[in-house]
């Protein structure tokens, strides 16, 4: 591993100093999304930091909005995807926190890390203080996989119900457009995708994962990427994000997975 320059080492020491923890007292009309935007974080990070199992908050409730910061020095082979999984965060959150214009990293680069759900030594996703094995956790992922590279290009694209364009899209349009770039046509709507594709139990990267937030019928879909994380156009985050499938609110709403045609994996 190359040695860090003196400047990089000093930067590492500066960033390693802990920041003061901040809190926010919920006011009438506050939402998790509004609070996340105010403090430059994400809804998922707030839920994880405060142990919330749903999006409901009450006036007078005190929320932790920032925890102690830590850093990571990029080593050979590191990718934003692997680091997000390692530290229990998202690619988008790492890019935002470090002002990265693209997912590319350089060896020796010092990255600021968000409040973490697990330490790098733990290497797992945590829920209620116990290690949870993610679906497909033993299956390795390839950062050069064409599907993953396409997904990373869509990160941050705004969510808009009914939209299907490079500048705005909804959840089913997102997965359909990713697969369209791989030469595979999928049905347009979430329900059509759920009904037309083959059900699967053992998740693989590229499978579609379905949720029901409004009742019995499926009303949301994402793309499973492996190692317990999935990409989706989030109506709560108002953009395309990568998040943990083991987050309590997603586990509660999860309704199963479907597998697109095998041609999509080539």
Protein backbone atom coordinates (compact mmCIF):
# COMPACT_ATOMS: atom_id res chain seq x y z
CA UNK A 1 0.00 0.00 0.00
CA UNK A 2 1.46 3.40 -0.96
CA UNK A 3 2.47 5.73 1.85
CA UNK A 4 0.31 8.76 2.49
CA UNK A 5 1.77 12.17 1.79
CA UNK A 6 2.39 14.49 4.74
CA UNK A 7 -0.54 16.64 3.62
CA UNK A 8 -2.88 13.64 3.46
CA UNK A 9 -1.72 12.51 6.90
CA UNK A 10 -2.36 15.95 8.42
CA UNK A 11 -5.77 16.01 6.75
CA UNK A 12 -6.51 12.59 8.22
CA UNK A 13 -5.63 13.85 11.71
CA UNK A 14 -7.80 16.93 11.27
CA UNK A 15 -10.81 14.97 10.05
CA UNK A 16 -10.37 12.35 12.75
CA UNK A 17 -11.18 14.89 15.46
CA UNK A 18 -14.70 14.15 16.75
CA UNK A 19 -17.47 16.59 15.97
CA UNK A 20 -20.03 17.69 18.52
CA UNK A 21 -23.19 15.64 18.45
CA UNK A 22 -26.23 17.68 17.40
CA UNK A 23 -29.89 17.24 18.19
CA UNK A 24 -33.12 18.64 16.79
CA UNK A 25 -36.38 19.07 18.67
CA UNK A 26 -39.29 18.22 16.38
CA UNK A 27 -41.61 21.18 15.75
CA UNK A 28 -45.21 21.00 14.44
CA UNK A 29 -45.10 20.35 10.68
CA UNK A 30 -41.61 18.81 10.73
CA UNK A 31 -41.00 15.69 8.63
CA UNK A 32 -37.96 13.43 8.52
CA UNK A 33 -37.32 14.50 4.94
CA UNK A 34 -37.39 18.22 5.85
CA UNK A 35 -35.10 17.64 8.83
CA UNK A 36 -32.70 15.57 6.70
CA UNK A 37 -32.47 18.38 4.12
CA UNK A 38 -31.92 20.99 6.84
CA UNK A 39 -28.96 19.14 8.35
CA UNK A 40 -27.50 17.77 5.12
CA UNK A 41 -28.19 14.11 5.84
CA UNK A 42 -30.66 11.41 4.69
CA UNK A 43 -33.94 10.03 6.02
CA UNK A 44 -32.36 6.58 6.38
CA UNK A 45 -29.43 8.01 8.38
CA UNK A 46 -31.82 9.79 10.76
CA UNK A 47 -33.89 6.65 11.24
CA UNK A 48 -30.79 4.55 11.87
CA UNK A 49 -29.26 7.09 14.26
CA UNK A 50 -32.46 7.34 16.31
CA UNK A 51 -33.60 3.72 16.12
CA UNK A 52 -36.84 4.65 14.32
CA UNK A 53 -38.89 1.86 12.77
CA UNK A 54 -41.19 4.13 10.74
CA UNK A 55 -41.37 7.68 9.42
CA UNK A 56 -43.70 9.02 12.14
CA UNK A 57 -42.30 11.70 14.48
CA UNK A 58 -44.01 13.80 17.17
CA UNK A 59 -43.66 17.48 18.14
CA UNK A 60 -41.29 17.76 21.11
CA UNK A 61 -39.40 14.60 20.17
CA UNK A 62 -35.61 15.07 20.34
CA UNK A 63 -33.77 13.57 17.38
CA UNK A 64 -30.04 13.04 17.04
CA UNK A 65 -29.06 14.58 13.72
CA UNK A 66 -25.29 14.11 13.84
CA UNK A 67 -23.02 11.72 15.67
CA UNK A 68 -19.25 11.61 16.08
CA UNK A 69 -17.50 11.65 12.72
CA UNK A 70 -14.83 9.22 11.59
CA UNK A 71 -12.68 8.86 8.48
CA UNK A 72 -11.42 6.17 6.13
CA UNK A 73 -8.21 6.25 4.10
CA UNK A 74 -8.82 4.67 0.69
CA UNK A 75 -6.85 1.45 0.16
CA UNK A 76 -6.20 -0.42 -3.12
CA UNK A 77 -9.39 -2.17 -4.23
CA UNK A 78 -11.74 0.09 -2.25
CA UNK A 79 -14.88 1.29 -4.01
CA UNK A 80 -17.67 3.54 -2.76
CA UNK A 81 -20.01 0.57 -3.00
CA UNK A 82 -17.79 -1.66 -0.83
CA UNK A 83 -17.18 1.15 1.70
CA UNK A 84 -20.90 1.97 1.92
CA UNK A 85 -21.63 -1.66 2.69
CA UNK A 86 -18.71 -1.89 5.13
CA UNK A 87 -19.77 1.14 7.17
CA UNK A 88 -23.54 0.62 6.93
CA UNK A 89 -24.29 3.68 4.79
CA UNK A 90 -25.04 4.52 1.14
CA UNK A 91 -22.94 5.45 -1.89
CA UNK A 92 -24.94 8.66 -2.26
CA UNK A 93 -24.33 9.64 1.38
CA UNK A 94 -20.57 9.13 1.03
CA UNK A 95 -20.52 11.19 -2.18
CA UNK A 96 -22.54 14.00 -0.58
CA UNK A 97 -20.51 14.06 2.63
CA UNK A 98 -17.21 14.25 0.72
CA UNK A 99 -18.34 16.47 -2.15
CA UNK A 100 -17.48 13.80 -4.73
CA UNK A 101 -18.59 14.55 -8.31
CA UNK A 102 -18.22 10.88 -9.32
CA UNK A 103 -17.82 7.46 -7.63
CA UNK A 104 -14.11 7.31 -8.58
CA UNK A 105 -11.63 7.04 -5.65
CA UNK A 106 -7.85 7.41 -5.32
CA UNK A 107 -5.58 5.39 -3.04
CA UNK A 108 -4.67 7.50 -0.01
CA UNK A 109 -7.77 9.69 -0.33
CA UNK A 110 -9.30 10.53 3.07
CA UNK A 111 -13.06 10.11 3.22
CA UNK A 112 -15.33 11.47 5.91
CA UNK A 113 -17.77 8.86 7.19
CA UNK A 114 -21.36 9.49 8.33
CA UNK A 115 -22.82 8.25 11.63
CA UNK A 116 -22.36 4.49 11.40
CA UNK A 117 -24.67 1.60 12.16
CA UNK A 118 -21.66 -0.73 12.44
CA UNK A 119 -17.88 -0.48 12.73
CA UNK A 120 -15.55 -1.69 9.96
CA UNK A 121 -14.56 -4.65 12.10
CA UNK A 122 -18.17 -5.74 12.51
CA UNK A 123 -18.67 -6.05 8.77
CA UNK A 124 -22.39 -6.73 9.11
CA UNK A 125 -25.75 -5.02 9.15
CA UNK A 126 -27.21 -4.56 12.61
CA UNK A 127 -30.74 -4.54 13.92
CA UNK A 128 -31.82 -4.45 17.57
CA UNK A 129 -28.22 -5.10 18.65
CA UNK A 130 -27.88 -8.41 16.78
CA UNK A 131 -25.98 -9.22 13.61
CA UNK A 132 -28.33 -10.00 10.73
CA UNK A 133 -27.13 -11.97 7.71
CA UNK A 134 -28.22 -10.15 4.60
CA UNK A 135 -29.94 -12.03 1.76
CA UNK A 136 -27.25 -13.15 -0.68
CA UNK A 137 -24.60 -12.02 1.82
CA UNK A 138 -22.21 -14.80 0.80
CA UNK A 139 -22.38 -13.86 -2.89
CA UNK A 140 -19.57 -11.58 -3.97
CA UNK A 141 -20.29 -8.48 -6.01
CA UNK A 142 -18.37 -7.11 -8.96
CA UNK A 143 -17.86 -3.32 -9.02
CA UNK A 144 -17.38 -3.60 -12.79
CA UNK A 145 -20.75 -5.32 -13.28
CA UNK A 146 -22.59 -3.42 -16.07
CA UNK A 147 -25.80 -3.28 -14.03
CA UNK A 148 -24.05 -1.69 -11.04
CA UNK A 149 -22.25 0.83 -13.24
CA UNK A 150 -25.60 1.87 -14.79
CA UNK A 151 -27.22 2.18 -11.35
CA UNK A 152 -24.42 4.46 -10.12
CA UNK A 153 -25.08 6.83 -13.03
CA UNK A 154 -28.67 7.25 -11.89
CA UNK A 155 -27.85 8.09 -8.27
CA UNK A 156 -29.41 11.41 -7.30
CA UNK A 157 -31.84 11.58 -10.25
CA UNK A 158 -35.04 13.18 -8.88
CA UNK A 159 -38.08 11.04 -8.09
CA UNK A 160 -41.38 12.08 -9.68
CA UNK A 161 -44.48 9.90 -9.72
CA UNK A 162 -45.34 8.78 -13.25
CA UNK A 163 -42.14 10.17 -14.76
CA UNK A 164 -39.83 8.13 -16.99
CA UNK A 165 -36.96 10.24 -18.32
CA UNK A 166 -33.22 10.75 -17.67
CA UNK A 167 -34.07 13.81 -15.54
CA UNK A 168 -36.92 12.45 -13.40
CA UNK A 169 -38.50 9.04 -12.85
CA UNK A 170 -40.50 6.90 -10.47
CA UNK A 171 -39.53 3.55 -8.93
CA UNK A 172 -40.75 1.24 -11.71
CA UNK A 173 -39.39 3.53 -14.43
CA UNK A 174 -35.97 3.44 -12.74
CA UNK A 175 -35.65 -0.36 -12.82
CA UNK A 176 -37.14 -0.49 -16.33
CA UNK A 177 -34.64 2.08 -17.63
CA UNK A 178 -31.68 0.28 -16.04
CA UNK A 179 -32.69 -2.96 -17.72
CA UNK A 180 -33.47 -1.20 -20.99
CA UNK A 181 -29.80 -0.12 -21.08
CA UNK A 182 -28.92 -3.81 -20.72
CA UNK A 183 -31.17 -4.71 -23.66
CA UNK A 184 -34.03 -6.19 -21.62
CA UNK A 185 -37.57 -4.80 -21.78
CA UNK A 186 -39.57 -4.83 -18.53
CA UNK A 187 -43.23 -3.93 -17.94
CA UNK A 188 -43.76 -0.27 -17.05
CA UNK A 189 -45.57 -0.38 -13.70
CA UNK A 190 -44.66 -1.95 -10.36
CA UNK A 191 -47.68 -4.26 -10.35
CA UNK A 192 -47.04 -5.36 -13.95
CA UNK A 193 -43.41 -6.14 -13.12
CA UNK A 194 -44.44 -8.09 -10.02
CA UNK A 195 -46.99 -10.14 -11.94
CA UNK A 196 -44.93 -10.82 -15.07
CA UNK A 197 -41.57 -11.95 -13.68
CA UNK A 198 -40.45 -15.19 -12.04
CA UNK A 199 -40.70 -15.28 -8.19
CA UNK A 200 -37.45 -16.13 -6.37
CA UNK A 201 -36.44 -16.83 -2.77
CA UNK A 202 -32.62 -16.70 -2.92
CA UNK A 203 -31.78 -13.14 -3.94
CA UNK A 204 -29.14 -12.42 -6.56
CA UNK A 205 -27.79 -9.07 -7.79
CA UNK A 206 -30.16 -7.74 -10.41
CA UNK A 207 -33.34 -9.16 -8.89
CA UNK A 208 -36.27 -6.80 -8.40
CA UNK A 209 -37.41 -6.39 -4.77
CA UNK A 210 -41.00 -5.34 -4.09
CA UNK A 211 -42.67 -3.56 -1.18
CA UNK A 212 -46.13 -2.56 -0.01
CA UNK A 213 -46.26 0.69 1.95
CA UNK A 214 -49.92 1.48 1.33
CA UNK A 215 -51.72 -1.84 1.84
CA UNK A 216 -51.73 -5.42 0.52
CA UNK A 217 -50.86 -4.61 -3.11
CA UNK A 218 -47.25 -3.96 -4.08
CA UNK A 219 -46.59 -0.26 -4.65
CA UNK A 220 -42.80 0.08 -4.72
CA UNK A 221 -39.88 -1.68 -6.44
CA UNK A 222 -36.09 -1.54 -6.30
CA UNK A 223 -33.02 -3.29 -7.73
CA UNK A 224 -31.12 -5.69 -5.46
CA UNK A 225 -27.34 -5.15 -5.75
CA UNK A 226 -26.06 -7.89 -3.44
CA UNK A 227 -24.70 -7.85 0.11
CA UNK A 228 -28.04 -6.72 1.55
CA UNK A 229 -28.42 -3.40 -0.29
CA UNK A 230 -30.74 -2.24 -3.07
CA UNK A 231 -31.14 0.79 -5.32
CA UNK A 232 -34.48 2.51 -5.83
CA UNK A 233 -36.14 5.77 -6.77
CA UNK A 234 -37.30 6.80 -3.31
CA UNK A 235 -40.40 8.96 -2.89
CA UNK A 236 -39.29 9.77 0.69
CA UNK A 237 -35.79 10.79 -0.38
CA UNK A 238 -37.12 12.30 -3.63
CA UNK A 239 -34.27 10.77 -5.64
CA UNK A 240 -32.50 7.54 -6.60
CA UNK A 241 -30.58 6.14 -3.61
CA UNK A 242 -28.88 2.94 -2.43
CA UNK A 243 -30.10 1.67 0.95
CA UNK A 244 -30.08 -1.38 3.20
CA UNK A 245 -32.77 -3.98 2.59
CA UNK A 246 -32.46 -4.92 6.28
CA UNK A 247 -33.63 -1.51 7.52
CA UNK A 248 -36.70 -2.22 9.72
CA UNK A 249 -39.11 -0.11 7.63
CA UNK A 250 -38.12 -1.95 4.45
CA UNK A 251 -38.26 -5.39 6.08
CA UNK A 252 -41.77 -4.64 7.33
CA UNK A 253 -42.99 -3.58 3.87
CA UNK A 254 -41.06 -6.25 1.88
CA UNK A 255 -43.30 -8.49 -0.28
CA UNK A 256 -40.82 -10.60 -2.24
CA UNK A 257 -38.53 -10.64 -5.24
CA UNK A 258 -38.82 -11.32 -8.97
CA UNK A 259 -36.08 -12.24 -11.44
CA UNK A 260 -35.82 -10.59 -14.89
CA UNK A 261 -34.70 -12.65 -17.92
CA UNK A 262 -31.21 -14.14 -17.65
CA UNK A 263 -30.02 -12.10 -20.64
CA UNK A 264 -29.87 -9.13 -18.30
CA UNK A 265 -26.94 -10.65 -16.43
CA UNK A 266 -24.63 -10.84 -19.42
